[in-house]
Structures are given as structure tokens and as C-alpha cells.
Amino acid sequence: MDHEEIRALYDRQMRLGARPDGPGSRVERDGAVVRLSGPEHAWNAVLWSGLDETDADEAIAEQVRHFTALGRPFEWKVYGHDLPADLPDRLLAAGFVAEDQETLMVAEAAALPRTVTLPEGVELVAVTDEAGVKLVTEVHDRAFGGDSSHIGRQLLDQLAATPDTVAAVVAMAGDEPVSAARLELYPGTDFAGLWGGGTVEPWRGKGLYRALVAFRTGIAVERGHRFVQVDAADTSRPILQRLGFAALTTTTPYVYDPEGS
């Protein structure tokens, strides 16, 4: 796998060629910026920019004006190869706050393990309705802390309006949800995205994360996607590397909150 070639393909299809990710969301090209604007509970973000030292500050100011007028906090998703090189510093100077850096990792879907091996007493349940979405948010709240209700609302929107673009699964130990994840499908592209894989504390280290990767990879292959992609935290990167994922670049969210700034 040619890493630079795949990274360029990812930029073209998933950033420059981005599509709305739910009802009420829209992708807009504003000069050298591609942004996603949507409802309050949806993901509002700058997805791609082709800037340099002469126009970066004005482009940043324009996106701040746009999302502030909507009353939306938003994320500027900066990749390690984005220009200008000091884009992160310019965002910080404009009032953005950096969140944790992750690693963009990609693998050939057909080459990944697809056998799902689960601990005794655990089964995987596909999420198709509001009851299943509540289980997903319960796992996320317990695994990551905080309030994941906005993820639940967005997942419900997708399941209702564009069910061909998302799949979600919960691992159940009896009546207890212990792990959950979703798969974002991008019809017409080579990529499917693995998102939100989380396991509650007592069930970590038992292979559930790998099982959910295998389960979702199988769906991606069935739907005709060549690659699966993950924005990997430091905790999941070693697991993904052992499975066959390669690191292409880093990605860091820079968040601007009109009320907090």
C-alpha cells in the first residue's frame, strides 16, 4: 500500500469530496475551505482547507463568523500534512482550543481479519432503533465519560433518513451493554470509517475491540469499500497496527465555541 497515494485519495474523496452526514447537514465550499454545517447536535466542522500564509488568517476569521452566526461550536480538523505549517498556531491565536491528537490509520478491508471471536456469554446485537441507540450512548458514557447524547441523536437521524450510510453494533453480556461501535459508510467512495469503539472498564482486555473491528470490516467489504479508516487514539493504535492498519498522518481537532471564546 502506497501511503502517500492512499492519503491523497482520502483527501480527495473524504475531505474535498465530503458529503452531508445526516438530515439538515450541508457541505459547502467557501473559497479554499470545505465545511460541514448542520443542526446543533450534528457535527459542525471545517473538513479541508487549501490555504497558505497569505490567506489563512482571513479564512479562519470567515469560518468563525459563519459558525458564530449559526450559534454553533465547530471543529477545524487539522491533519499533519495540512498547510500552512503554522495553521495550528494561527487557530490557537484565533481562540480555538486543541483537543487530543489522533492518528489517521487505514487498512485494506479485504486483508483484515473478519472472524468475530467473543468472550463467553457475550453476543453482538445490531442497532436499528431508539432502544439500540440508547444502549450505544450508555456504553459511550461509561467508557469515555461525559454526555454522548448528541451522538445518539445524530445516529437516530442517520438510521431514520439514510440507513445505508451507517451501521452500529452493541456487545451485550446478558442484559448489560459492555461495548459498542459504529461504521460510517460513504457510498461511491473507497472508504468506510470505524468510529466510537468503546468498552466499559470491567470488560477491557477481553478482545471486544478487535471483535467489533472484525464485525464492521465484514460489513464494509460486503458494501464494496476497499479501505477501512480509523482516527485512532493512543490506546487503540497498537491494536490496530497488529491487525494490519498503517498510519498515514495525524489529525487534531481545534474547537471554537462562540460562547466559550
Protein backbone atom coordinates (compact mmCIF):
# COMPACT_ATOMS: atom_id res chain seq x y z
CA MET A 1 0.00 0.00 0.00
CA ASP A 2 1.45 3.35 -1.12
CA HIS A 3 0.79 5.53 1.92
CA GLU A 4 1.10 8.87 0.11
CA GLU A 5 -1.19 7.70 -2.68
CA ILE A 6 -3.84 6.48 -0.24
CA ARG A 7 -3.59 9.69 1.80
CA ALA A 8 -4.14 11.74 -1.35
CA LEU A 9 -7.13 9.55 -2.25
CA TYR A 10 -8.53 10.06 1.23
CA ASP A 11 -8.15 13.83 0.91
CA ARG A 12 -9.95 13.84 -2.45
CA GLN A 13 -12.82 11.56 -1.54
CA MET A 14 -13.40 12.18 2.17
CA ARG A 15 -12.39 15.82 2.63
CA LEU A 16 -12.63 17.70 -0.68
CA GLY A 17 -15.48 15.44 -1.81
CA ALA A 18 -17.25 15.24 1.56
CA ARG A 19 -21.00 14.70 1.71
CA PRO A 20 -23.62 15.62 4.31
CA ASP A 21 -23.59 13.14 7.19
CA GLY A 22 -27.23 13.41 8.19
CA PRO A 23 -30.53 15.25 7.63
CA GLY A 24 -30.22 19.00 7.95
CA SER A 25 -26.46 18.95 7.28
CA ARG A 26 -24.87 20.52 4.23
CA VAL A 27 -21.37 20.60 2.78
CA GLU A 28 -20.25 23.99 1.50
CA ARG A 29 -17.20 25.13 -0.45
CA ASP A 30 -16.13 28.58 0.76
CA GLY A 31 -13.09 29.60 -1.24
CA ALA A 32 -10.24 27.32 -0.17
CA VAL A 33 -12.29 25.78 2.65
CA VAL A 34 -14.73 22.85 2.71
CA ARG A 35 -17.04 22.91 5.73
CA LEU A 36 -19.91 20.89 7.15
CA SER A 37 -22.79 22.85 8.70
CA GLY A 38 -25.75 21.25 10.41
CA PRO A 39 -28.09 21.07 13.39
CA GLU A 40 -26.84 21.77 16.88
CA HIS A 41 -26.44 18.08 17.76
CA ALA A 42 -24.68 17.29 14.46
CA TRP A 43 -21.01 17.62 13.60
CA ASN A 44 -20.17 21.17 12.51
CA ALA A 45 -16.65 21.32 11.14
CA VAL A 46 -14.05 22.50 8.66
CA LEU A 47 -13.09 19.33 6.81
CA TRP A 48 -10.44 20.55 4.36
CA SER A 49 -8.54 23.71 3.58
CA GLY A 50 -6.05 24.66 0.90
CA LEU A 51 -4.50 27.73 2.49
CA ASP A 52 -1.14 29.46 2.66
CA GLU A 53 0.44 32.23 4.73
CA THR A 54 -1.31 34.96 2.73
CA ASP A 55 -4.93 33.86 3.19
CA ALA A 56 -5.05 31.60 6.26
CA ASP A 57 -5.94 34.23 8.87
CA GLU A 58 -8.81 35.69 6.84
CA ALA A 59 -10.16 32.21 6.07
CA ILE A 60 -10.09 31.35 9.78
CA ALA A 61 -11.89 34.60 10.63
CA GLU A 62 -14.54 33.91 7.97
CA GLN A 63 -15.30 30.43 9.35
CA VAL A 64 -15.56 31.87 12.86
CA ARG A 65 -18.07 34.43 11.54
CA HIS A 66 -20.05 31.75 9.70
CA PHE A 67 -20.48 29.36 12.63
CA THR A 68 -20.93 32.15 15.18
CA ALA A 69 -23.83 33.47 13.10
CA LEU A 70 -25.36 29.99 13.29
CA GLY A 71 -24.70 29.84 17.04
CA ARG A 72 -22.71 26.64 16.58
CA PRO A 73 -19.48 25.50 18.19
CA PHE A 74 -17.38 23.91 15.46
CA GLU A 75 -14.22 21.91 14.89
CA TRP A 76 -11.41 22.67 12.49
CA LYS A 77 -9.98 19.24 11.74
CA VAL A 78 -6.27 19.74 11.09
CA TYR A 79 -4.24 16.94 9.51
CA GLY A 80 -0.50 16.65 9.93
CA HIS A 81 0.18 17.45 6.26
CA ASP A 82 -2.13 20.49 6.04
CA LEU A 83 -0.70 23.88 5.10
CA PRO A 84 0.43 26.37 6.10
CA ALA A 85 2.69 24.57 8.57
CA ASP A 86 1.75 27.03 11.31
CA LEU A 87 -2.02 26.56 10.83
CA PRO A 88 -2.38 25.15 14.38
CA ASP A 89 -0.72 28.24 15.85
CA ARG A 90 -2.98 30.52 13.82
CA LEU A 91 -6.07 28.67 15.07
CA LEU A 92 -4.92 28.92 18.68
CA ALA A 93 -4.33 32.65 18.23
CA ALA A 94 -7.88 32.99 16.90
CA GLY A 95 -9.37 31.44 20.04
CA PHE A 96 -9.56 27.76 19.14
CA VAL A 97 -8.76 25.06 21.70
CA ALA A 98 -6.80 21.96 20.70
CA GLU A 99 -8.14 18.54 21.66
CA ASP A 100 -6.17 15.29 21.74
CA GLN A 101 -4.20 14.37 18.66
CA GLU A 102 -5.14 11.10 16.96
CA THR A 103 -3.62 9.07 14.13
CA LEU A 104 -5.34 8.54 10.79
CA MET A 105 -4.95 4.80 10.17
CA VAL A 106 -6.08 2.88 7.09
CA ALA A 107 -6.13 -0.78 6.06
CA GLU A 108 -7.19 -2.80 3.04
CA ALA A 109 -10.55 -4.12 4.23
CA ALA A 110 -10.32 -7.47 2.45
CA ALA A 111 -6.94 -8.17 4.11
CA LEU A 112 -8.19 -7.70 7.67
CA PRO A 113 -9.43 -10.49 9.97
CA ARG A 114 -13.20 -10.82 9.78
CA THR A 115 -13.73 -13.70 12.20
CA VAL A 116 -15.60 -12.39 15.24
CA THR A 117 -14.41 -14.04 18.45
CA LEU A 118 -16.33 -13.09 21.60
CA PRO A 119 -15.94 -13.85 25.31
CA GLU A 120 -18.30 -16.47 26.66
CA GLY A 121 -21.73 -15.08 27.33
CA VAL A 122 -21.36 -12.07 25.03
CA GLU A 123 -23.29 -11.55 21.80
CA LEU A 124 -23.37 -8.78 19.22
CA VAL A 125 -26.66 -7.03 18.52
CA ALA A 126 -27.22 -4.78 15.53
CA VAL A 127 -28.58 -1.33 16.36
CA THR A 128 -31.67 -0.44 14.34
CA ASP A 129 -33.93 1.63 16.60
CA GLU A 130 -34.10 4.07 19.50
CA ALA A 131 -33.68 1.33 22.10
CA GLY A 132 -30.45 0.21 20.49
CA VAL A 133 -29.17 3.78 20.22
CA LYS A 134 -29.76 4.24 23.96
CA LEU A 135 -27.52 1.23 24.59
CA VAL A 136 -24.80 2.77 22.40
CA THR A 137 -24.90 6.06 24.30
CA GLU A 138 -24.90 4.22 27.63
CA VAL A 139 -21.70 2.40 26.65
CA HIS A 140 -20.10 5.62 25.40
CA ASP A 141 -20.96 7.50 28.59
CA ARG A 142 -19.47 4.74 30.73
CA ALA A 143 -16.42 4.09 28.53
CA PHE A 144 -15.40 7.66 27.74
CA GLY A 145 -17.13 9.77 30.38
CA GLY A 146 -19.21 12.83 29.61
CA ASP A 147 -22.52 13.10 27.80
CA SER A 148 -22.86 11.23 24.50
CA SER A 149 -26.48 12.18 23.86
CA HIS A 150 -25.54 14.24 20.77
CA ILE A 151 -24.01 11.11 19.21
CA GLY A 152 -27.23 9.26 19.91
CA ARG A 153 -29.36 11.95 18.27
CA GLN A 154 -27.16 12.00 15.18
CA LEU A 155 -27.19 8.20 14.93
CA LEU A 156 -31.00 8.20 15.18
CA ASP A 157 -31.17 10.79 12.39
CA GLN A 158 -28.96 8.66 10.15
CA LEU A 159 -30.82 5.42 10.84
CA ALA A 160 -34.10 7.12 10.00
CA ALA A 161 -33.08 9.15 6.95
CA THR A 162 -30.00 7.47 5.43
CA PRO A 163 -29.70 3.95 6.84
CA ASP A 164 -27.34 2.92 4.02
CA THR A 165 -24.67 5.27 5.43
CA VAL A 166 -24.33 3.88 8.95
CA ALA A 167 -24.25 0.64 10.91
CA ALA A 168 -23.95 0.32 14.68
CA VAL A 169 -23.48 -2.64 16.99
CA VAL A 170 -23.61 -3.32 20.72
CA ALA A 171 -21.95 -6.18 22.58
CA MET A 172 -24.31 -7.50 25.23
CA ALA A 173 -23.31 -9.56 28.26
CA GLY A 174 -26.76 -10.77 29.19
CA ASP A 175 -28.81 -7.59 29.69
CA GLU A 176 -25.74 -5.35 30.09
CA PRO A 177 -24.28 -3.40 27.16
CA VAL A 178 -20.50 -3.67 27.53
CA SER A 179 -19.08 -2.45 24.20
CA ALA A 180 -20.36 -0.53 21.19
CA ALA A 181 -19.21 0.97 17.92
CA ARG A 182 -20.50 2.31 14.64
CA LEU A 183 -19.47 2.13 10.99
CA GLU A 184 -19.83 5.16 8.74
CA LEU A 185 -20.35 4.13 5.13
CA TYR A 186 -19.65 6.56 2.31
CA PRO A 187 -21.36 5.23 -0.83
CA GLY A 188 -19.39 5.83 -4.00
CA THR A 189 -16.05 6.10 -2.19
CA ASP A 190 -13.31 3.61 -1.38
CA PHE A 191 -13.55 4.25 2.36
CA ALA A 192 -15.64 3.22 5.34
CA GLY A 193 -14.96 4.69 8.76
CA LEU A 194 -14.71 2.90 12.10
CA TRP A 195 -15.95 5.23 14.84
CA GLY A 196 -16.81 5.24 18.52
CA GLY A 197 -15.37 1.86 19.51
CA GLY A 198 -15.60 1.81 23.29
CA THR A 199 -15.69 -0.84 26.02
CA VAL A 200 -16.67 -0.37 29.65
CA GLU A 201 -13.84 -0.79 32.16
CA PRO A 202 -14.51 -4.31 33.55
CA TRP A 203 -14.66 -5.78 30.02
CA ARG A 204 -11.48 -4.29 28.57
CA GLY A 205 -8.66 -6.60 27.54
CA LYS A 206 -11.05 -9.39 26.53
CA GLY A 207 -10.92 -8.91 22.77
CA LEU A 208 -14.13 -6.93 22.32
CA TYR A 209 -12.46 -4.04 20.47
CA ARG A 210 -10.93 -6.47 17.95
CA ALA A 211 -14.27 -8.27 17.59
CA LEU A 212 -16.08 -5.04 16.77
CA VAL A 213 -13.41 -4.11 14.22
CA ALA A 214 -13.82 -7.51 12.55
CA PHE A 215 -17.63 -7.27 12.55
CA ARG A 216 -17.65 -3.81 10.99
CA THR A 217 -14.94 -4.69 8.48
CA GLY A 218 -17.15 -7.51 7.22
CA ILE A 219 -19.95 -5.04 6.54
CA ALA A 220 -17.55 -2.66 4.77
CA VAL A 221 -16.36 -5.47 2.48
CA GLU A 222 -19.94 -6.54 1.74
CA ARG A 223 -20.79 -2.95 0.77
CA GLY A 224 -17.85 -2.78 -1.64
CA HIS A 225 -15.45 -0.50 0.24
CA ARG A 226 -11.76 -1.05 -0.36
CA PHE A 227 -10.42 0.61 2.79
CA VAL A 228 -11.44 0.99 6.41
CA GLN A 229 -10.24 4.08 8.24
CA VAL A 230 -9.86 4.97 11.92
CA ASP A 231 -8.94 8.16 13.78
CA ALA A 232 -7.03 6.19 16.39
CA ALA A 233 -6.34 7.25 19.94
CA ASP A 234 -3.06 6.18 21.52
CA THR A 235 -4.88 3.36 23.35
CA SER A 236 -6.21 1.75 20.17
CA ARG A 237 -3.31 2.43 17.81
CA PRO A 238 -1.20 -0.61 18.92
CA ILE A 239 -4.19 -2.95 18.49
CA LEU A 240 -4.90 -1.60 15.02
CA GLN A 241 -1.26 -1.89 13.99
CA ARG A 242 -1.27 -5.56 14.97
CA LEU A 243 -4.38 -6.08 12.87
CA GLY A 244 -2.70 -4.55 9.81
CA PHE A 245 -3.58 -0.85 9.86
CA ALA A 246 -0.98 1.69 8.71
CA ALA A 247 -0.57 5.25 9.99
CA LEU A 248 -0.96 7.88 7.24
CA THR A 249 -0.85 11.13 9.19
CA THR A 250 -2.07 12.74 12.40
CA THR A 251 -5.34 14.57 12.94
CA THR A 252 -6.12 17.09 15.67
CA PRO A 253 -9.45 18.80 16.37
CA TYR A 254 -9.27 22.52 17.05
CA VAL A 255 -12.58 23.59 18.59
CA TYR A 256 -14.12 27.05 18.60
CA ASP A 257 -17.08 27.79 20.87
CA PRO A 258 -18.68 31.20 20.27
CA GLU A 259 -19.94 31.28 23.85
CA GLY A 260 -16.75 29.98 25.42
CA SER A 261 -14.34 32.18 23.47
